[in-house]
Amino acid sequence: MAFLLHDARGLERRSRELVAPERRRASRRLWRVDLLQAAAVATVAIAVALFLADGGAAGFADPAGAVTEVGIIAGLVATDLVLVMLVLAARVPFIERAVGQDAAMALHRRLGKPVLLLLLAHAVLLVAGYALTDGSGLVDEVVSLWNTPDIPLAVAGLALFLAVVVTSLVAVRRRFRYEVWHGIHLLVYLAVLAALPHQFSLGGLFAEGTWQRWYWLLMTITAFAAIAVFRLGVPAYRSLRHRLVVEEVEPIADGIVSIRLRGVALDRLGATGGQFFVWRFLARGQWWQAHPYSLSAAPRGGELRITVRALGRGSAGVAAIRPGTRVALEGPYGIFSEASRSRSRLVLVAAGIGVTPVRSLLESASFRPGEAIVLLRTRAADEGWLLDEVRQLCHARGATLITIPGRRGTGWLSEAAEQQGLSLAAFVPAIADSDVYVCGPLGWSEAVVAEARSAGLRPEQVHHERFDW
């Protein structure tokens, strides 16, 4: 049999009045997304406009000046985007609630290569422009610039940024352990600081009496303040306040453990099912490693729970952690939760360890009996992590649970399900009026998302939790 239907309740149709809260919530979130996009574009436009208004436009009077000015503009745009990247990585609550941490970091990664190209263009065009102005050769101009104060430091900053971007490429990143890659990635802060002196001495960005001075001071202070507050200050405060400790480590399958943690006033964290935290287990050999794990159960009282699969040395170390270990945390993060709901009906699709946020979301989500469907891809009919818990929750809440066992076919379904011509729409007749949440291996999840979009769902109806870094 291609799939097993474990539990189903009669479908009920909500009135439009009851659907309205989800639509309003989605509308507010999308408004925040639009505002963030407009703000990011505006920062670039303002940076260029202020440069031109403060005398930069005059440099376009001759070819040599035009080349130089274009080089300066490339540097300005690159600098602005680097600061935007820092803010995206700062885990600012407004950004987090609008797009979620995984989407913010995806944009952060996408900006890396364009920024690097702009910085390289900045260097090349300035050398060419200065050479044309001075009537000298390119090599002579490079030597002259190298002997200019602060330029060697700026070149060092460019080299650091190049190292960060290259090690962030997927093919290269996979060769590093997360902790090594993250350590290299932190060099971007040194790269920004190394570039600052030449902006003071040569670039004139902070020259007194210009609007540029105040704009760049505001942008720079905002970016680094966001990092200091939301990446360092808030996590440190929450870790000290909530005093989180490992209470129990429960093996649930080969290489899989559930870890229950207790602390003080955990309800003040505002966490909900589907979200994740970044955990640091303060044990020997573990304290320096950060682990992003989703909640595998809805928060209750003074307890949080995660479920961990030992995939590598880092997660294997977490699986071997002992009760009584203190834990530092960052979060909660992510909008793989009620926060991104836009429709009354709910479809949860999971495979592998991706069941963890799906299980906690199933427990905490708001829906009536018959309005939720859970699709689990498993190796065998009664084999799946947390399957018994998911089955019990579906029975208690009136959700439909469908397991799809067997070897994976060419898409996200099993070979048997594909041979029967089944699809996401076949499992979910009311898919057009549903929110679809997907979590599992990256390629598998992308196949589910693609099928959901091809079924006519709008972008705000499809939610994908990524486990890759």
Foldseek 3Di string as FASTA:
>chain_A
DQKDWQFFDDADDDDPVVWVVLQVLQVVLVVLVVVVVVVLVVLLVVQLVQCVVVPLVVLVPDPLSVLLSLLLSLLSNLLSVLLVLLLLQLPDVSVQLNAWNVVSVVVSLVVLVSSLVSNVSSVVSNLSSVCVVVVHDSVVSVVVQVPDPLSVLLVVLSVLSVQLNVCSPPVNVVVDDPLVNVVSNVCNVVSSVSNPVCCVVPVCQCPPPGPSNVSVVVSVCVSVVSNCCQVPNVLVVVLVQFFKWWADWADDDVQKIKTKIFTPPPVVQVDAFLWWKWKFFPDVPTRSDTDIFGFQATDDDGMTMTMAGCPDPNRSVVSPDDTGTTMGIHDRITDLASSLRNFQAEEEEEEASQNRSVNHRLNGPDHAARRYEYEYEEADRPDDPCVVVSSVSCVVRNYIYMYRHHPCDPALGHPVCVVVVDDPCNVPVVLQRYAYEYEYADRNRVRNVVRSVVVPHDPSRYHYDDPDD
